[in-house]
Amino acid sequence: MTNAENGIESLRSAHSVDETVERLRNLLTAKRVTLFALVDHSGEAAKAGLAMPPTKLLIFGSPTAGTPVMLAAPSVAIDLPLKILVWEDAQGAVWLSWNSPEYLQRRHAVPEEWVKNIAVAGALAAAAGGA
Protein backbone atom coordinates (compact mmCIF):
# COMPACT_ATOMS: atom_id res chain seq x y z
CA MET A 1 0.00 0.00 0.00
CA THR A 2 1.40 3.39 -1.01
CA ASN A 3 0.20 6.80 0.07
CA ALA A 4 1.10 8.87 -2.99
CA GLU A 5 0.51 12.12 -1.11
CA ASN A 6 3.17 11.62 1.54
CA GLY A 7 5.37 9.00 -0.14
CA ILE A 8 4.98 6.40 2.60
CA GLU A 9 4.76 2.77 1.52
CA SER A 10 3.42 0.16 3.93
CA LEU A 11 3.26 -3.61 3.93
CA ARG A 12 1.53 -5.86 6.44
CA SER A 13 3.82 -8.22 8.34
CA ALA A 14 3.01 -11.84 9.09
CA HIS A 15 4.92 -11.53 12.38
CA SER A 16 4.87 -9.62 15.65
CA VAL A 17 6.68 -6.29 15.89
CA ASP A 18 9.59 -7.85 17.78
CA GLU A 19 9.89 -10.78 15.39
CA THR A 20 9.70 -8.47 12.37
CA VAL A 21 12.41 -6.26 13.85
CA GLU A 22 14.60 -9.30 14.50
CA ARG A 23 14.09 -10.51 10.94
CA LEU A 24 15.07 -7.06 9.64
CA ARG A 25 18.16 -7.00 11.85
CA ASN A 26 19.21 -10.41 10.52
CA LEU A 27 18.69 -9.29 6.91
CA LEU A 28 20.74 -6.16 7.46
CA THR A 29 23.55 -8.18 9.03
CA ALA A 30 23.50 -10.72 6.19
CA LYS A 31 23.68 -7.92 3.61
CA ARG A 32 26.41 -6.09 5.56
CA VAL A 33 24.23 -3.02 5.94
CA THR A 34 24.85 -0.96 9.07
CA LEU A 35 22.05 -0.62 11.61
CA PHE A 36 22.79 2.84 12.96
CA ALA A 37 19.96 2.92 15.50
CA LEU A 38 16.90 1.10 16.74
CA VAL A 39 14.43 3.52 18.30
CA ASP A 40 11.87 1.85 20.58
CA HIS A 41 9.13 4.49 20.57
CA SER A 42 6.68 2.36 22.57
CA GLY A 43 9.38 1.39 25.08
CA GLU A 44 10.24 5.04 25.67
CA ALA A 45 6.54 5.88 25.99
CA ALA A 46 6.18 3.17 28.65
CA LYS A 47 9.13 4.63 30.58
CA ALA A 48 7.22 7.93 30.63
CA GLY A 49 4.08 6.19 31.91
CA LEU A 50 2.29 6.33 28.55
CA ALA A 51 0.66 3.47 26.66
CA MET A 52 1.49 3.01 22.99
CA PRO A 53 1.18 -0.04 20.72
CA PRO A 54 4.54 -1.64 19.85
CA THR A 55 6.35 0.80 17.54
CA LYS A 56 10.03 0.57 16.57
CA LEU A 57 12.11 2.46 14.02
CA LEU A 58 15.20 0.99 12.37
CA ILE A 59 17.69 3.46 10.90
CA PHE A 60 20.13 1.80 8.52
CA GLY A 61 22.33 2.28 5.52
CA SER A 62 25.62 1.90 3.75
CA PRO A 63 28.06 4.75 3.22
CA THR A 64 29.09 3.23 -0.12
CA ALA A 65 25.46 3.41 -1.32
CA GLY A 66 24.33 6.60 0.40
CA THR A 67 27.30 8.89 -0.08
CA PRO A 68 27.06 9.10 -3.91
CA VAL A 69 23.34 9.91 -3.58
CA MET A 70 24.09 12.70 -1.09
CA LEU A 71 26.83 14.07 -3.35
CA ALA A 72 24.40 14.16 -6.28
CA ALA A 73 21.49 15.59 -4.25
CA PRO A 74 22.77 17.03 -0.94
CA SER A 75 19.35 17.68 0.61
CA VAL A 76 18.58 13.94 0.60
CA ALA A 77 20.86 13.73 3.67
CA ILE A 78 17.87 14.88 5.74
CA ASP A 79 16.12 11.60 4.82
CA LEU A 80 19.18 9.35 4.98
CA PRO A 81 20.07 6.94 6.43
CA LEU A 82 17.06 4.94 5.31
CA LYS A 83 14.38 4.01 7.84
CA ILE A 84 11.75 1.34 8.30
CA LEU A 85 9.05 1.77 10.91
CA VAL A 86 7.59 -1.42 12.38
CA TRP A 87 4.31 -0.76 14.17
CA GLU A 88 1.12 -2.35 15.42
CA ASP A 89 -2.22 -0.78 14.57
CA ALA A 90 -5.31 -0.56 16.81
CA GLN A 91 -6.58 -3.90 15.48
CA GLY A 92 -3.33 -5.70 16.31
CA ALA A 93 -2.03 -5.92 12.73
CA VAL A 94 1.71 -5.32 12.30
CA TRP A 95 2.97 -3.05 9.53
CA LEU A 96 6.29 -2.01 8.01
CA SER A 97 6.42 1.54 6.60
CA TRP A 98 9.15 3.43 4.72
CA ASN A 99 9.66 6.36 2.35
CA SER A 100 9.23 5.32 -1.26
CA PRO A 101 12.31 5.83 -3.42
CA GLU A 102 10.17 7.71 -5.96
CA TYR A 103 9.10 10.14 -3.24
CA LEU A 104 12.71 10.67 -2.14
CA GLN A 105 13.73 11.15 -5.78
CA ARG A 106 11.05 13.79 -6.35
CA ARG A 107 11.60 15.51 -3.00
CA HIS A 108 15.36 15.88 -3.49
CA ALA A 109 15.79 15.73 -7.29
CA VAL A 110 17.90 12.57 -6.99
CA PRO A 111 19.32 11.71 -10.42
CA GLU A 112 17.80 8.56 -11.92
CA GLU A 113 21.09 6.63 -11.83
CA TRP A 114 21.19 6.87 -8.01
CA VAL A 115 17.58 5.86 -7.21
CA LYS A 116 18.61 2.20 -7.01
CA ASN A 117 20.80 3.12 -4.02
CA ILE A 118 17.79 4.32 -2.03
CA ALA A 119 15.36 1.63 -3.20
CA VAL A 120 16.25 -1.22 -0.85
CA ALA A 121 13.75 -0.59 1.96
CA GLY A 122 10.83 -2.17 0.11
CA ALA A 123 12.69 -5.40 -0.61
CA LEU A 124 13.89 -5.59 3.00
CA ALA A 125 10.38 -4.97 4.29
CA ALA A 126 8.92 -7.68 2.05
CA ALA A 127 11.52 -10.20 3.14
CA ALA A 128 11.15 -9.38 6.86
CA GLY A 129 7.37 -9.27 6.86
CA GLY A 130 6.76 -12.35 4.73
CA ALA A 131 5.80 -15.79 5.96
C-alpha atoms as a PDB file:
ATOM      1  CA  MET A   1       0.000   0.000   0.000  1.00  0.00           C
ATOM      2  CA  THR A   2       1.404   3.393  -1.005  1.00  0.00           C
ATOM      3  CA  ASN A   3       0.196   6.799   0.068  1.00  0.00           C
ATOM      4  CA  ALA A   4       1.104   8.866  -2.993  1.00  0.00           C
ATOM      5  CA  GLU A   5       0.511  12.124  -1.111  1.00  0.00           C
ATOM      6  CA  ASN A   6       3.171  11.623   1.539  1.00  0.00           C
ATOM      7  CA  GLY A   7       5.370   9.004  -0.136  1.00  0.00           C
ATOM      8  CA  ILE A   8       4.979   6.398   2.595  1.00  0.00           C
ATOM      9  CA  GLU A   9       4.757   2.769   1.525  1.00  0.00           C
ATOM     10  CA  SER A  10       3.417   0.159   3.925  1.00  0.00           C
ATOM     11  CA  LEU A  11       3.262  -3.608   3.934  1.00  0.00           C
ATOM     12  CA  ARG A  12       1.531  -5.858   6.442  1.00  0.00           C
ATOM     13  CA  SER A  13       3.818  -8.218   8.344  1.00  0.00           C
ATOM     14  CA  ALA A  14       3.009 -11.844   9.086  1.00  0.00           C
ATOM     15  CA  HIS A  15       4.924 -11.526  12.378  1.00  0.00           C
ATOM     16  CA  SER A  16       4.872  -9.615  15.647  1.00  0.00           C
ATOM     17  CA  VAL A  17       6.680  -6.287  15.889  1.00  0.00           C
ATOM     18  CA  ASP A  18       9.586  -7.854  17.780  1.00  0.00           C
ATOM     19  CA  GLU A  19       9.894 -10.784  15.388  1.00  0.00           C
ATOM     20  CA  THR A  20       9.696  -8.472  12.371  1.00  0.00           C
ATOM     21  CA  VAL A  21      12.412  -6.258  13.852  1.00  0.00           C
ATOM     22  CA  GLU A  22      14.597  -9.296  14.500  1.00  0.00           C
ATOM     23  CA  ARG A  23      14.094 -10.515  10.941  1.00  0.00           C
ATOM     24  CA  LEU A  24      15.070  -7.063   9.642  1.00  0.00           C
ATOM     25  CA  ARG A  25      18.157  -7.001  11.854  1.00  0.00           C
ATOM     26  CA  ASN A  26      19.215 -10.406  10.519  1.00  0.00           C
ATOM     27  CA  LEU A  27      18.687  -9.290   6.911  1.00  0.00           C
ATOM     28  CA  LEU A  28      20.740  -6.156   7.455  1.00  0.00           C
ATOM     29  CA  THR A  29      23.551  -8.175   9.026  1.00  0.00           C
ATOM     30  CA  ALA A  30      23.502 -10.717   6.188  1.00  0.00           C
ATOM     31  CA  LYS A  31      23.685  -7.919   3.607  1.00  0.00           C
ATOM     32  CA  ARG A  32      26.409  -6.093   5.556  1.00  0.00           C
ATOM     33  CA  VAL A  33      24.234  -3.019   5.944  1.00  0.00           C
ATOM     34  CA  THR A  34      24.852  -0.959   9.070  1.00  0.00           C
ATOM     35  CA  LEU A  35      22.046  -0.625  11.608  1.00  0.00           C
ATOM     36  CA  PHE A  36      22.787   2.845  12.959  1.00  0.00           C
ATOM     37  CA  ALA A  37      19.958   2.921  15.501  1.00  0.00           C
ATOM     38  CA  LEU A  38      16.897   1.101  16.738  1.00  0.00           C
ATOM     39  CA  VAL A  39      14.432   3.520  18.303  1.00  0.00           C
ATOM     40  CA  ASP A  40      11.867   1.849  20.580  1.00  0.00           C
ATOM     41  CA  HIS A  41       9.130   4.490  20.574  1.00  0.00           C
ATOM     42  CA  SER A  42       6.685   2.363  22.572  1.00  0.00           C
ATOM     43  CA  GLY A  43       9.375   1.395  25.081  1.00  0.00           C
ATOM     44  CA  GLU A  44      10.243   5.036  25.666  1.00  0.00           C
ATOM     45  CA  ALA A  45       6.536   5.881  25.988  1.00  0.00           C
ATOM     46  CA  ALA A  46       6.178   3.167  28.646  1.00  0.00           C
ATOM     47  CA  LYS A  47       9.126   4.631  30.580  1.00  0.00           C
ATOM     48  CA  ALA A  48       7.220   7.933  30.629  1.00  0.00           C
ATOM     49  CA  GLY A  49       4.078   6.192  31.906  1.00  0.00           C
ATOM     50  CA  LEU A  50       2.285   6.333  28.551  1.00  0.00           C
ATOM     51  CA  ALA A  51       0.664   3.472  26.662  1.00  0.00           C
ATOM     52  CA  MET A  52       1.494   3.006  22.990  1.00  0.00           C
ATOM     53  CA  PRO A  53       1.183  -0.044  20.720  1.00  0.00           C
ATOM     54  CA  PRO A  54       4.536  -1.644  19.846  1.00  0.00           C
ATOM     55  CA  THR A  55       6.353   0.799  17.543  1.00  0.00           C
ATOM     56  CA  LYS A  56      10.033   0.569  16.570  1.00  0.00           C
ATOM     57  CA  LEU A  57      12.111   2.463  14.021  1.00  0.00           C
ATOM     58  CA  LEU A  58      15.204   0.990  12.373  1.00  0.00           C
ATOM     59  CA  ILE A  59      17.689   3.463  10.898  1.00  0.00           C
ATOM     60  CA  PHE A  60      20.135   1.797   8.517  1.00  0.00           C
ATOM     61  CA  GLY A  61      22.329   2.284   5.516  1.00  0.00           C
ATOM     62  CA  SER A  62      25.619   1.898   3.747  1.00  0.00           C
ATOM     63  CA  PRO A  63      28.060   4.754   3.221  1.00  0.00           C
ATOM     64  CA  THR A  64      29.085   3.232  -0.121  1.00  0.00           C
ATOM     65  CA  ALA A  65      25.463   3.405  -1.318  1.00  0.00           C
ATOM     66  CA  GLY A  66      24.328   6.600   0.396  1.00  0.00           C
ATOM     67  CA  THR A  67      27.299   8.887  -0.079  1.00  0.00           C
ATOM     68  CA  PRO A  68      27.059   9.098  -3.908  1.00  0.00           C
ATOM     69  CA  VAL A  69      23.344   9.906  -3.580  1.00  0.00           C
ATOM     70  CA  MET A  70      24.089  12.703  -1.092  1.00  0.00           C
ATOM     71  CA  LEU A  71      26.832  14.066  -3.350  1.00  0.00           C
ATOM     72  CA  ALA A  72      24.399  14.155  -6.284  1.00  0.00           C
ATOM     73  CA  ALA A  73      21.495  15.591  -4.249  1.00  0.00           C
ATOM     74  CA  PRO A  74      22.769  17.026  -0.936  1.00  0.00           C
ATOM     75  CA  SER A  75      19.346  17.682   0.611  1.00  0.00           C
ATOM     76  CA  VAL A  76      18.585  13.939   0.602  1.00  0.00           C
ATOM     77  CA  ALA A  77      20.856  13.732   3.667  1.00  0.00           C
ATOM     78  CA  ILE A  78      17.875  14.884   5.735  1.00  0.00           C
ATOM     79  CA  ASP A  79      16.121  11.604   4.815  1.00  0.00           C
ATOM     80  CA  LEU A  80      19.179   9.354   4.982  1.00  0.00           C
ATOM     81  CA  PRO A  81      20.067   6.941   6.433  1.00  0.00           C
ATOM     82  CA  LEU A  82      17.055   4.935   5.311  1.00  0.00           C
ATOM     83  CA  LYS A  83      14.383   4.013   7.835  1.00  0.00           C
ATOM     84  CA  ILE A  84      11.754   1.335   8.303  1.00  0.00           C
ATOM     85  CA  LEU A  85       9.051   1.771  10.913  1.00  0.00           C
ATOM     86  CA  VAL A  86       7.589  -1.423  12.381  1.00  0.00           C
ATOM     87  CA  TRP A  87       4.314  -0.758  14.168  1.00  0.00           C
ATOM     88  CA  GLU A  88       1.123  -2.349  15.424  1.00  0.00           C
ATOM     89  CA  ASP A  89      -2.223  -0.778  14.572  1.00  0.00           C
ATOM     90  CA  ALA A  90      -5.314  -0.556  16.808  1.00  0.00           C
ATOM     91  CA  GLN A  91      -6.578  -3.903  15.476  1.00  0.00           C
ATOM     92  CA  GLY A  92      -3.325  -5.698  16.306  1.00  0.00           C
ATOM     93  CA  ALA A  93      -2.028  -5.921  12.733  1.00  0.00           C
ATOM     94  CA  VAL A  94       1.709  -5.316  12.298  1.00  0.00           C
ATOM     95  CA  TRP A  95       2.974  -3.047   9.530  1.00  0.00           C
ATOM     96  CA  LEU A  96       6.286  -2.011   8.007  1.00  0.00           C
ATOM     97  CA  SER A  97       6.422   1.536   6.596  1.00  0.00           C
ATOM     98  CA  TRP A  98       9.150   3.434   4.723  1.00  0.00           C
ATOM     99  CA  ASN A  99       9.663   6.359   2.354  1.00  0.00           C
ATOM    100  CA  SER A 100       9.226   5.323  -1.257  1.00  0.00           C
ATOM    101  CA  PRO A 101      12.312   5.825  -3.424  1.00  0.00           C
ATOM    102  CA  GLU A 102      10.171   7.711  -5.957  1.00  0.00           C
ATOM    103  CA  TYR A 103       9.100  10.139  -3.236  1.00  0.00           C
ATOM    104  CA  LEU A 104      12.712  10.671  -2.142  1.00  0.00           C
ATOM    105  CA  GLN A 105      13.734  11.146  -5.777  1.00  0.00           C
ATOM    106  CA  ARG A 106      11.048  13.790  -6.350  1.00  0.00           C
ATOM    107  CA  ARG A 107      11.600  15.507  -3.005  1.00  0.00           C
ATOM    108  CA  HIS A 108      15.358  15.880  -3.486  1.00  0.00           C
ATOM    109  CA  ALA A 109      15.789  15.726  -7.292  1.00  0.00           C
ATOM    110  CA  VAL A 110      17.897  12.570  -6.989  1.00  0.00           C
ATOM    111  CA  PRO A 111      19.322  11.708 -10.425  1.00  0.00           C
ATOM    112  CA  GLU A 112      17.801   8.560 -11.917  1.00  0.00           C
ATOM    113  CA  GLU A 113      21.087   6.633 -11.830  1.00  0.00           C
ATOM    114  CA  TRP A 114      21.191   6.870  -8.007  1.00  0.00           C
ATOM    115  CA  VAL A 115      17.582   5.858  -7.213  1.00  0.00           C
ATOM    116  CA  LYS A 116      18.610   2.199  -7.007  1.00  0.00           C
ATOM    117  CA  ASN A 117      20.800   3.122  -4.023  1.00  0.00           C
ATOM    118  CA  ILE A 118      17.787   4.324  -2.025  1.00  0.00           C
ATOM    119  CA  ALA A 119      15.357   1.634  -3.198  1.00  0.00           C
ATOM    120  CA  VAL A 120      16.248  -1.220  -0.849  1.00  0.00           C
ATOM    121  CA  ALA A 121      13.751  -0.593   1.957  1.00  0.00           C
ATOM    122  CA  GLY A 122      10.828  -2.168   0.106  1.00  0.00           C
ATOM    123  CA  ALA A 123      12.687  -5.396  -0.609  1.00  0.00           C
ATOM    124  CA  LEU A 124      13.894  -5.586   2.998  1.00  0.00           C
ATOM    125  CA  ALA A 125      10.378  -4.974   4.295  1.00  0.00           C
ATOM    126  CA  ALA A 126       8.918  -7.678   2.049  1.00  0.00           C
ATOM    127  CA  ALA A 127      11.525 -10.196   3.144  1.00  0.00           C
ATOM    128  CA  ALA A 128      11.154  -9.376   6.855  1.00  0.00           C
ATOM    129  CA  GLY A 129       7.368  -9.274   6.855  1.00  0.00           C
ATOM    130  CA  GLY A 130       6.762 -12.353   4.730  1.00  0.00           C
ATOM    131  CA  ALA A 131       5.796 -15.790   5.957  1.00  0.00           C
END
